[in-house]
Amino acid sequence: MAHTLSDFKAALRGGGARPNLFEVTLTSLPSGVEVTENFSLLCKAAALPASNVSPIDVPFRGRTFKVAGDRTYDPWTITVINDTGFEIRKAMEKWMQIIAQYGDASGATDPNSYMATAEVKQLTRKESSGGATGNSLDTAATYKFVDVFPTAISQIDLSFDTADTIEEFTVEFQVQYWEPTNGSGTASGNAT
């Protein structure tokens, strides 16, 4: 069946999902680790999770028959804009300090004491009455990351040559698993 441009336009409801409309939250943080409400504003980049089911190769008479294996979960990385108080970076460093101390091999032994929950919402523009685009956003999809903890905080490069930028850093989290949740509802942010 040959499709027309009109078919494509009808299929692209809402103008397509935009990668810059998202919101990240962290909840159930370890005791003593506080991430301010600015986290959702300063989390500049994240990713919707990849989905992996590894194949198992079963040899049979000179051929390979593939069967479904176990589901695996990739590490999840976010990029954060650094504020002058280093609030988010200090919180991530404190979180990692709870897991493994700087000076020795001590640290948390109970996973419940250092794992948290993260959520990424893919936002979409909300259509107001009359077909005009409004200033509020709807949640198109939500992914909940269960039992996450940071394993790497990137360095921040300092240089006299860098004058017109704001510092950023990345945090890599290990993920036990993630699950999609129904994403219908209004988001807290406003379109700009």
N, C-alpha and C. Protein backbone atom coordinates (compact mmCIF):
# COMPACT_ATOMS: atom_id res chain seq x y z
N MET A 1 0.84 -1.18 0.00
CA MET A 1 0.00 0.00 0.00
C MET A 1 0.89 1.24 0.00
N ALA A 2 0.69 2.11 -0.95
CA ALA A 2 1.46 3.35 -1.04
C ALA A 2 0.86 4.39 -0.12
N HIS A 3 1.71 4.99 0.69
CA HIS A 3 1.26 6.02 1.62
C HIS A 3 1.53 7.40 1.04
N THR A 4 0.72 8.34 1.42
CA THR A 4 0.87 9.71 0.94
C THR A 4 1.39 10.59 2.07
N LEU A 5 1.76 11.80 1.73
CA LEU A 5 2.20 12.78 2.72
C LEU A 5 1.07 13.07 3.73
N SER A 6 -0.15 13.05 3.27
CA SER A 6 -1.29 13.25 4.18
C SER A 6 -1.39 12.12 5.19
N ASP A 7 -1.10 10.89 4.77
CA ASP A 7 -1.10 9.75 5.70
C ASP A 7 -0.03 9.95 6.77
N PHE A 8 1.15 10.39 6.33
CA PHE A 8 2.24 10.63 7.26
C PHE A 8 1.87 11.73 8.25
N LYS A 9 1.30 12.82 7.77
CA LYS A 9 0.89 13.93 8.62
C LYS A 9 -0.14 13.47 9.65
N ALA A 10 -1.07 12.63 9.25
CA ALA A 10 -2.09 12.13 10.17
C ALA A 10 -1.47 11.20 11.22
N ALA A 11 -0.43 10.46 10.84
CA ALA A 11 0.21 9.52 11.76
C ALA A 11 1.10 10.24 12.78
N LEU A 12 1.58 11.42 12.43
CA LEU A 12 2.51 12.16 13.30
C LEU A 12 1.72 13.07 14.23
N ARG A 13 0.91 12.44 15.06
CA ARG A 13 0.08 13.19 16.00
C ARG A 13 0.94 14.01 16.95
N GLY A 14 0.51 15.22 17.24
CA GLY A 14 1.23 16.08 18.17
C GLY A 14 2.54 16.62 17.63
N GLY A 15 2.85 16.35 16.39
CA GLY A 15 4.10 16.84 15.81
C GLY A 15 5.31 16.01 16.16
N GLY A 16 5.12 14.88 16.79
CA GLY A 16 6.24 14.00 17.16
C GLY A 16 6.77 14.31 18.55
N ALA A 17 7.34 13.31 19.19
CA ALA A 17 7.93 13.48 20.53
C ALA A 17 9.22 14.27 20.41
N ARG A 18 9.44 15.19 21.34
CA ARG A 18 10.61 16.07 21.32
C ARG A 18 11.58 15.65 22.42
N PRO A 19 12.86 15.45 22.08
CA PRO A 19 13.83 14.99 23.08
C PRO A 19 14.16 16.03 24.15
N ASN A 20 13.80 17.28 23.94
CA ASN A 20 14.09 18.31 24.95
C ASN A 20 12.95 18.50 25.94
N LEU A 21 11.85 17.78 25.79
CA LEU A 21 10.73 17.87 26.73
C LEU A 21 10.74 16.65 27.64
N PHE A 22 11.40 16.77 28.78
CA PHE A 22 11.49 15.66 29.72
C PHE A 22 11.68 16.20 31.12
N GLU A 23 11.49 15.30 32.09
CA GLU A 23 11.69 15.65 33.50
C GLU A 23 12.21 14.42 34.23
N VAL A 24 13.23 14.62 35.06
CA VAL A 24 13.83 13.53 35.83
C VAL A 24 13.65 13.83 37.31
N THR A 25 13.25 12.81 38.08
CA THR A 25 13.14 12.95 39.53
C THR A 25 13.83 11.77 40.20
N LEU A 26 14.35 12.02 41.39
CA LEU A 26 14.93 10.98 42.24
C LEU A 26 14.14 10.95 43.54
N THR A 27 13.72 9.77 43.96
CA THR A 27 12.97 9.63 45.21
C THR A 27 13.55 8.49 46.03
N SER A 28 13.10 8.38 47.26
CA SER A 28 13.55 7.33 48.18
C SER A 28 15.07 7.32 48.31
N LEU A 29 15.65 8.52 48.41
CA LEU A 29 17.11 8.63 48.51
C LEU A 29 17.60 8.11 49.86
N PRO A 30 18.87 7.72 49.93
CA PRO A 30 19.42 7.26 51.21
C PRO A 30 19.33 8.35 52.28
N SER A 31 19.27 7.94 53.51
CA SER A 31 19.21 8.87 54.63
C SER A 31 20.42 9.79 54.60
N GLY A 32 20.17 11.09 54.68
CA GLY A 32 21.25 12.07 54.68
C GLY A 32 21.56 12.65 53.31
N VAL A 33 21.02 12.06 52.24
CA VAL A 33 21.25 12.59 50.89
C VAL A 33 20.01 13.37 50.49
N GLU A 34 20.20 14.65 50.21
CA GLU A 34 19.08 15.50 49.83
C GLU A 34 19.35 16.13 48.47
N VAL A 35 18.44 15.92 47.56
CA VAL A 35 18.50 16.56 46.25
C VAL A 35 17.36 17.56 46.21
N THR A 36 17.67 18.82 46.00
CA THR A 36 16.66 19.87 46.03
C THR A 36 15.72 19.76 44.84
N GLU A 37 14.65 20.53 44.89
CA GLU A 37 13.69 20.56 43.78
C GLU A 37 14.34 21.09 42.51
N ASN A 38 15.48 21.76 42.63
CA ASN A 38 16.21 22.25 41.45
C ASN A 38 16.78 21.11 40.61
N PHE A 39 16.83 19.91 41.15
CA PHE A 39 17.38 18.78 40.40
C PHE A 39 16.64 18.60 39.07
N SER A 40 15.32 18.66 39.09
CA SER A 40 14.55 18.48 37.85
C SER A 40 14.84 19.57 36.84
N LEU A 41 15.20 20.76 37.33
CA LEU A 41 15.53 21.87 36.44
C LEU A 41 16.95 21.76 35.89
N LEU A 42 17.88 21.32 36.72
CA LEU A 42 19.29 21.30 36.34
C LEU A 42 19.75 19.99 35.72
N CYS A 43 18.89 18.97 35.72
CA CYS A 43 19.21 17.73 35.03
C CYS A 43 19.00 17.99 33.54
N LYS A 44 20.11 18.26 32.85
CA LYS A 44 20.08 18.72 31.45
C LYS A 44 19.83 17.59 30.45
N ALA A 45 20.27 16.41 30.77
CA ALA A 45 20.15 15.31 29.82
C ALA A 45 19.97 13.99 30.57
N ALA A 46 19.21 13.11 29.98
CA ALA A 46 19.01 11.76 30.49
C ALA A 46 18.67 10.89 29.28
N ALA A 47 18.26 9.69 29.53
CA ALA A 47 17.89 8.80 28.43
C ALA A 47 16.70 7.96 28.84
N LEU A 48 15.84 7.71 27.87
CA LEU A 48 14.83 6.69 28.07
C LEU A 48 15.57 5.36 27.94
N PRO A 49 15.22 4.36 28.72
CA PRO A 49 16.04 3.16 28.81
C PRO A 49 16.01 2.29 27.56
N ALA A 50 17.14 1.63 27.35
CA ALA A 50 17.20 0.61 26.31
C ALA A 50 16.57 -0.66 26.85
N SER A 51 16.08 -1.49 25.96
CA SER A 51 15.47 -2.76 26.36
C SER A 51 16.28 -3.89 25.72
N ASN A 52 16.80 -4.78 26.55
CA ASN A 52 17.68 -5.85 26.07
C ASN A 52 17.21 -7.21 26.56
N VAL A 53 17.05 -8.12 25.64
CA VAL A 53 16.88 -9.53 25.98
C VAL A 53 17.96 -10.27 25.21
N SER A 54 18.91 -10.81 25.95
CA SER A 54 20.06 -11.47 25.31
C SER A 54 19.65 -12.81 24.72
N PRO A 55 20.16 -13.13 23.53
CA PRO A 55 19.86 -14.45 22.96
C PRO A 55 20.82 -15.51 23.51
N ILE A 56 20.36 -16.74 23.54
CA ILE A 56 21.21 -17.88 23.89
C ILE A 56 21.33 -18.73 22.64
N ASP A 57 22.56 -18.97 22.21
CA ASP A 57 22.81 -19.80 21.04
C ASP A 57 22.83 -21.27 21.44
N VAL A 58 21.97 -22.06 20.81
CA VAL A 58 21.90 -23.50 21.07
C VAL A 58 22.35 -24.23 19.80
N PRO A 59 23.51 -24.89 19.85
CA PRO A 59 23.98 -25.60 18.65
C PRO A 59 23.09 -26.82 18.35
N PHE A 60 22.81 -27.00 17.07
CA PHE A 60 22.04 -28.16 16.65
C PHE A 60 22.49 -28.57 15.25
N ARG A 61 23.18 -29.68 15.16
CA ARG A 61 23.60 -30.27 13.89
C ARG A 61 24.26 -29.26 12.95
N GLY A 62 25.22 -28.55 13.48
CA GLY A 62 25.96 -27.60 12.65
C GLY A 62 25.28 -26.25 12.47
N ARG A 63 24.15 -26.07 13.05
CA ARG A 63 23.42 -24.80 12.98
C ARG A 63 23.31 -24.22 14.38
N THR A 64 22.97 -22.93 14.42
CA THR A 64 22.74 -22.28 15.70
C THR A 64 21.29 -21.86 15.78
N PHE A 65 20.62 -22.34 16.82
CA PHE A 65 19.23 -21.99 17.07
C PHE A 65 19.23 -20.99 18.22
N LYS A 66 18.59 -19.85 18.03
CA LYS A 66 18.58 -18.80 19.04
C LYS A 66 17.29 -18.88 19.86
N VAL A 67 17.45 -18.84 21.19
CA VAL A 67 16.30 -18.77 22.10
C VAL A 67 16.49 -17.55 22.99
N ALA A 68 15.40 -17.07 23.55
CA ALA A 68 15.46 -15.89 24.41
C ALA A 68 16.16 -16.22 25.72
N GLY A 69 17.06 -15.31 26.10
CA GLY A 69 17.78 -15.46 27.36
C GLY A 69 17.24 -14.51 28.40
N ASP A 70 18.12 -14.00 29.23
CA ASP A 70 17.74 -13.12 30.32
C ASP A 70 17.68 -11.66 29.87
N ARG A 71 16.84 -10.90 30.55
CA ARG A 71 16.79 -9.46 30.33
C ARG A 71 17.95 -8.83 31.08
N THR A 72 18.61 -7.88 30.44
CA THR A 72 19.69 -7.14 31.08
C THR A 72 19.36 -5.65 31.05
N TYR A 73 19.97 -4.92 31.97
CA TYR A 73 19.69 -3.49 32.10
C TYR A 73 21.00 -2.73 32.02
N ASP A 74 21.08 -1.82 31.07
CA ASP A 74 22.27 -0.99 30.89
C ASP A 74 22.37 0.04 32.01
N PRO A 75 23.59 0.50 32.30
CA PRO A 75 23.71 1.64 33.21
C PRO A 75 22.97 2.84 32.62
N TRP A 76 22.53 3.71 33.49
CA TRP A 76 21.75 4.89 33.09
C TRP A 76 22.55 6.13 33.47
N THR A 77 22.71 7.06 32.53
CA THR A 77 23.53 8.24 32.75
C THR A 77 22.71 9.51 32.59
N ILE A 78 22.95 10.45 33.51
CA ILE A 78 22.33 11.76 33.41
C ILE A 78 23.43 12.82 33.34
N THR A 79 23.10 13.97 32.78
CA THR A 79 24.01 15.12 32.74
C THR A 79 23.37 16.23 33.54
N VAL A 80 24.16 16.84 34.42
CA VAL A 80 23.66 17.87 35.32
C VAL A 80 24.42 19.17 35.10
N ILE A 81 23.69 20.28 35.06
CA ILE A 81 24.30 21.61 35.02
C ILE A 81 24.70 21.95 36.46
N ASN A 82 25.96 22.32 36.66
CA ASN A 82 26.46 22.58 38.00
C ASN A 82 26.11 23.99 38.45
N ASP A 83 25.51 24.11 39.62
CA ASP A 83 25.23 25.43 40.17
C ASP A 83 26.43 25.87 41.02
N THR A 84 26.49 27.14 41.39
CA THR A 84 27.65 27.66 42.11
C THR A 84 27.78 27.09 43.51
N GLY A 85 26.71 26.56 44.06
CA GLY A 85 26.78 25.93 45.37
C GLY A 85 27.12 24.45 45.31
N PHE A 86 27.26 23.90 44.12
CA PHE A 86 27.57 22.48 43.90
C PHE A 86 26.57 21.58 44.62
N GLU A 87 25.32 22.01 44.78
CA GLU A 87 24.35 21.27 45.57
C GLU A 87 24.13 19.84 45.08
N ILE A 88 23.90 19.68 43.78
CA ILE A 88 23.62 18.34 43.27
C ILE A 88 24.88 17.49 43.26
N ARG A 89 26.01 18.08 42.88
CA ARG A 89 27.26 17.32 42.88
C ARG A 89 27.61 16.86 44.30
N LYS A 90 27.47 17.74 45.28
CA LYS A 90 27.75 17.36 46.67
C LYS A 90 26.83 16.23 47.12
N ALA A 91 25.56 16.27 46.71
CA ALA A 91 24.62 15.20 47.08
C ALA A 91 25.04 13.87 46.46
N MET A 92 25.48 13.90 45.20
CA MET A 92 25.92 12.67 44.53
C MET A 92 27.20 12.13 45.18
N GLU A 93 28.12 13.04 45.53
CA GLU A 93 29.36 12.63 46.20
C GLU A 93 29.06 12.02 47.57
N LYS A 94 28.12 12.62 48.30
CA LYS A 94 27.74 12.09 49.61
C LYS A 94 27.10 10.71 49.46
N TRP A 95 26.26 10.55 48.43
CA TRP A 95 25.63 9.26 48.16
C TRP A 95 26.69 8.19 47.92
N MET A 96 27.68 8.51 47.09
CA MET A 96 28.74 7.54 46.81
C MET A 96 29.60 7.29 48.05
N GLN A 97 29.75 8.30 48.91
CA GLN A 97 30.50 8.15 50.15
C GLN A 97 29.80 7.16 51.09
N ILE A 98 28.47 7.18 51.09
CA ILE A 98 27.70 6.21 51.89
C ILE A 98 27.98 4.79 51.40
N ILE A 99 28.09 4.64 50.08
CA ILE A 99 28.31 3.32 49.49
C ILE A 99 29.73 2.82 49.76
N ALA A 100 30.72 3.69 49.55
CA ALA A 100 32.13 3.31 49.73
C ALA A 100 32.90 4.53 50.23
N GLN A 101 33.46 4.42 51.42
CA GLN A 101 34.18 5.53 52.04
C GLN A 101 35.46 5.88 51.26
N TYR A 102 35.87 7.14 51.34
CA TYR A 102 37.07 7.59 50.65
C TYR A 102 38.33 6.91 51.17
N GLY A 103 38.47 6.84 52.50
CA GLY A 103 39.75 6.45 53.08
C GLY A 103 39.95 4.97 53.32
N ASP A 104 38.91 4.19 53.31
CA ASP A 104 39.07 2.76 53.57
C ASP A 104 38.00 1.97 52.80
N ALA A 105 37.90 0.71 53.08
CA ALA A 105 36.98 -0.14 52.33
C ALA A 105 35.61 -0.26 52.99
N SER A 106 35.33 0.60 53.96
CA SER A 106 34.03 0.51 54.63
C SER A 106 32.95 1.20 53.81
N GLY A 107 31.72 0.94 54.17
CA GLY A 107 30.59 1.54 53.48
C GLY A 107 29.33 0.75 53.78
N ALA A 108 28.26 1.16 53.16
CA ALA A 108 26.97 0.51 53.39
C ALA A 108 27.01 -0.94 52.93
N THR A 109 26.42 -1.81 53.74
CA THR A 109 26.35 -3.22 53.36
C THR A 109 24.92 -3.65 53.04
N ASP A 110 23.95 -2.88 53.49
CA ASP A 110 22.55 -3.18 53.22
C ASP A 110 22.11 -2.42 51.98
N PRO A 111 21.79 -3.10 50.89
CA PRO A 111 21.38 -2.40 49.66
C PRO A 111 20.20 -1.45 49.87
N ASN A 112 19.31 -1.77 50.81
CA ASN A 112 18.19 -0.87 51.07
C ASN A 112 18.62 0.49 51.58
N SER A 113 19.84 0.57 52.12
CA SER A 113 20.31 1.83 52.70
C SER A 113 20.92 2.78 51.67
N TYR A 114 21.19 2.31 50.45
CA TYR A 114 21.80 3.21 49.47
C TYR A 114 21.13 3.20 48.09
N MET A 115 20.12 2.40 47.89
CA MET A 115 19.43 2.38 46.60
C MET A 115 18.23 3.32 46.62
N ALA A 116 17.91 3.87 45.46
CA ALA A 116 16.82 4.84 45.34
C ALA A 116 15.98 4.51 44.12
N THR A 117 15.00 5.35 43.87
CA THR A 117 14.12 5.22 42.70
C THR A 117 14.27 6.47 41.86
N ALA A 118 14.33 6.30 40.55
CA ALA A 118 14.39 7.43 39.62
C ALA A 118 13.23 7.31 38.64
N GLU A 119 12.83 8.44 38.12
CA GLU A 119 11.73 8.45 37.16
C GLU A 119 12.05 9.45 36.05
N VAL A 120 11.83 9.03 34.81
CA VAL A 120 11.98 9.91 33.66
C VAL A 120 10.62 10.03 33.00
N LYS A 121 10.19 11.27 32.81
CA LYS A 121 8.92 11.52 32.12
C LYS A 121 9.22 12.15 30.77
N GLN A 122 8.66 11.57 29.72
CA GLN A 122 8.69 12.19 28.40
C GLN A 122 7.46 13.08 28.32
N LEU A 123 7.70 14.36 28.15
CA LEU A 123 6.61 15.33 28.12
C LEU A 123 6.21 15.64 26.69
N THR A 124 5.01 16.12 26.53
CA THR A 124 4.50 16.53 25.22
C THR A 124 3.67 17.78 25.41
N ARG A 125 3.64 18.57 24.39
CA ARG A 125 2.84 19.80 24.46
C ARG A 125 1.37 19.46 24.56
N LYS A 126 0.68 20.20 25.41
CA LYS A 126 -0.75 19.99 25.61
C LYS A 126 -1.51 20.90 24.65
N GLU A 127 -2.48 20.34 23.98
CA GLU A 127 -3.28 21.13 23.06
C GLU A 127 -4.43 21.78 23.81
N SER A 128 -4.56 23.08 23.63
CA SER A 128 -5.66 23.79 24.29
C SER A 128 -6.88 23.78 23.39
N SER A 129 -7.99 24.27 23.89
CA SER A 129 -9.21 24.29 23.09
C SER A 129 -9.00 25.15 21.86
N GLY A 130 -9.59 24.76 20.78
CA GLY A 130 -9.46 25.50 19.52
C GLY A 130 -8.23 25.08 18.73
N GLY A 131 -7.46 24.09 19.21
CA GLY A 131 -6.32 23.58 18.47
C GLY A 131 -5.03 24.34 18.70
N ALA A 132 -5.04 25.44 19.42
CA ALA A 132 -3.81 26.18 19.67
C ALA A 132 -3.00 25.48 20.75
N THR A 133 -1.68 25.57 20.66
CA THR A 133 -0.82 24.95 21.65
C THR A 133 -0.74 25.83 22.88
N GLY A 134 -0.96 25.25 24.04
CA GLY A 134 -0.92 26.01 25.30
C GLY A 134 0.45 26.00 25.93
N ASN A 135 0.54 26.53 27.14
CA ASN A 135 1.81 26.61 27.85
C ASN A 135 2.04 25.45 28.80
N SER A 136 1.11 24.54 28.93
CA SER A 136 1.32 23.42 29.85
C SER A 136 1.72 22.17 29.07
N LEU A 137 2.24 21.19 29.81
CA LEU A 137 2.74 19.97 29.20
C LEU A 137 2.01 18.77 29.77
N ASP A 138 1.83 17.75 28.95
CA ASP A 138 1.28 16.47 29.38
C ASP A 138 2.41 15.47 29.46
N THR A 139 2.21 14.41 30.21
CA THR A 139 3.18 13.32 30.28
C THR A 139 2.77 12.27 29.26
N ALA A 140 3.66 12.03 28.30
CA ALA A 140 3.38 11.05 27.26
C ALA A 140 3.79 9.64 27.68
N ALA A 141 4.91 9.54 28.39
CA ALA A 141 5.41 8.24 28.85
C ALA A 141 6.23 8.46 30.11
N THR A 142 6.20 7.47 30.99
CA THR A 142 6.98 7.53 32.23
C THR A 142 7.72 6.21 32.40
N TYR A 143 9.00 6.31 32.75
CA TYR A 143 9.81 5.12 33.03
C TYR A 143 10.33 5.23 34.45
N LYS A 144 10.09 4.18 35.23
CA LYS A 144 10.53 4.13 36.62
C LYS A 144 11.74 3.21 36.71
N PHE A 145 12.85 3.75 37.22
CA PHE A 145 14.08 2.98 37.43
C PHE A 145 14.10 2.56 38.90
N VAL A 146 14.15 1.27 39.14
CA VAL A 146 14.04 0.73 40.50
C VAL A 146 15.42 0.33 41.02
N ASP A 147 15.69 0.72 42.27
CA ASP A 147 16.93 0.37 42.97
C ASP A 147 18.17 0.83 42.19
N VAL A 148 18.26 2.14 42.01
CA VAL A 148 19.42 2.72 41.34
C VAL A 148 20.41 3.23 42.38
N PHE A 149 21.67 3.29 41.97
CA PHE A 149 22.69 3.91 42.81
C PHE A 149 23.83 4.37 41.91
N PRO A 150 24.50 5.50 42.29
CA PRO A 150 25.55 6.04 41.43
C PRO A 150 26.83 5.24 41.55
N THR A 151 27.49 5.03 40.41
CA THR A 151 28.79 4.35 40.42
C THR A 151 29.89 5.19 39.80
N ALA A 152 29.53 6.30 39.15
CA ALA A 152 30.56 7.16 38.56
C ALA A 152 30.03 8.59 38.46
N ILE A 153 30.84 9.53 38.92
CA ILE A 153 30.58 10.95 38.73
C ILE A 153 31.74 11.47 37.90
N SER A 154 31.44 12.12 36.79
CA SER A 154 32.51 12.56 35.90
C SER A 154 33.29 13.73 36.49
N GLN A 155 34.48 13.91 35.97
CA GLN A 155 35.28 15.07 36.35
C GLN A 155 34.68 16.32 35.73
N ILE A 156 35.04 17.46 36.29
CA ILE A 156 34.68 18.76 35.71
C ILE A 156 35.99 19.42 35.30
N ASP A 157 36.14 19.65 34.02
CA ASP A 157 37.37 20.28 33.52
C ASP A 157 37.37 21.76 33.84
N LEU A 158 38.49 22.24 34.37
CA LEU A 158 38.68 23.66 34.67
C LEU A 158 39.79 24.19 33.76
N SER A 159 39.59 25.38 33.22
CA SER A 159 40.58 25.94 32.31
C SER A 159 40.38 27.43 32.17
N PHE A 160 41.50 28.19 32.10
CA PHE A 160 41.42 29.63 31.82
C PHE A 160 40.85 29.89 30.43
N ASP A 161 40.97 28.91 29.52
CA ASP A 161 40.50 29.08 28.15
C ASP A 161 38.99 29.00 28.03
N THR A 162 38.32 28.45 29.02
CA THR A 162 36.88 28.23 28.94
C THR A 162 36.18 29.39 29.64
N ALA A 163 35.63 30.31 28.84
CA ALA A 163 35.03 31.50 29.43
C ALA A 163 33.51 31.55 29.27
N ASP A 164 32.99 31.00 28.20
CA ASP A 164 31.57 31.18 27.89
C ASP A 164 30.76 29.90 28.04
N THR A 165 31.03 29.13 29.08
CA THR A 165 30.26 27.92 29.31
C THR A 165 29.94 27.78 30.81
N ILE A 166 29.00 26.94 31.10
CA ILE A 166 28.65 26.60 32.48
C ILE A 166 29.09 25.17 32.71
N GLU A 167 29.62 24.90 33.88
CA GLU A 167 30.09 23.55 34.19
C GLU A 167 28.95 22.53 34.15
N GLU A 168 29.30 21.35 33.69
CA GLU A 168 28.37 20.21 33.67
C GLU A 168 29.13 18.98 34.12
N PHE A 169 28.41 18.00 34.61
CA PHE A 169 29.01 16.71 34.95
C PHE A 169 27.97 15.62 34.72
N THR A 170 28.45 14.40 34.56
CA THR A 170 27.55 13.27 34.37
C THR A 170 27.61 12.36 35.60
N VAL A 171 26.51 11.66 35.82
CA VAL A 171 26.44 10.66 36.87
C VAL A 171 25.92 9.38 36.23
N GLU A 172 26.66 8.29 36.44
CA GLU A 172 26.23 6.99 35.92
C GLU A 172 25.65 6.18 37.06
N PHE A 173 24.46 5.65 36.83
CA PHE A 173 23.74 4.84 37.82
C PHE A 173 23.66 3.40 37.35
N GLN A 174 23.77 2.49 38.29
CA GLN A 174 23.44 1.09 38.02
C GLN A 174 21.96 0.92 38.29
N VAL A 175 21.32 0.07 37.51
CA VAL A 175 19.86 -0.09 37.57
C VAL A 175 19.54 -1.57 37.77
N GLN A 176 18.74 -1.87 38.79
CA GLN A 176 18.30 -3.26 38.96
C GLN A 176 17.31 -3.64 37.87
N TYR A 177 16.34 -2.78 37.66
CA TYR A 177 15.40 -2.95 36.56
C TYR A 177 14.62 -1.66 36.37
N TRP A 178 13.96 -1.54 35.24
CA TRP A 178 13.07 -0.41 34.99
C TRP A 178 11.75 -0.94 34.48
N GLU A 179 10.73 -0.10 34.62
CA GLU A 179 9.41 -0.49 34.12
C GLU A 179 8.70 0.74 33.57
N PRO A 180 8.03 0.58 32.43
CA PRO A 180 7.23 1.70 31.92
C PRO A 180 5.94 1.79 32.74
N THR A 181 5.52 3.01 33.01
CA THR A 181 4.25 3.21 33.68
C THR A 181 3.38 4.05 32.77
N ASN A 182 2.10 4.01 32.98
CA ASN A 182 1.17 4.74 32.12
C ASN A 182 1.44 6.23 32.26
N GLY A 183 1.67 6.92 31.17
CA GLY A 183 2.08 8.32 31.23
C GLY A 183 1.03 9.31 30.84
N SER A 184 -0.13 9.24 31.39
CA SER A 184 -1.12 10.26 31.07
C SER A 184 -1.29 11.18 32.27
N GLY A 185 -1.21 12.44 32.02
CA GLY A 185 -1.35 13.41 33.10
C GLY A 185 -0.62 14.68 32.79
N THR A 186 -0.77 15.67 33.65
CA THR A 186 -0.16 16.97 33.44
C THR A 186 1.16 17.03 34.19
N ALA A 187 2.19 17.53 33.53
CA ALA A 187 3.50 17.67 34.15
C ALA A 187 3.57 18.99 34.90
N SER A 188 4.59 19.08 35.76
CA SER A 188 4.73 20.28 36.57
C SER A 188 5.36 21.43 35.83
N GLY A 189 6.06 21.18 34.74
CA GLY A 189 6.76 22.24 34.02
C GLY A 189 5.87 23.00 33.07
N ASN A 190 6.38 24.11 32.59
CA ASN A 190 5.70 24.90 31.58
C ASN A 190 6.57 24.96 30.33
N ALA A 191 5.95 24.97 29.18
CA ALA A 191 6.69 25.09 27.94
C ALA A 191 7.26 26.49 27.83
N THR A 192 8.46 26.57 27.27
CA THR A 192 9.08 27.87 27.10
C THR A 192 9.24 28.17 25.64
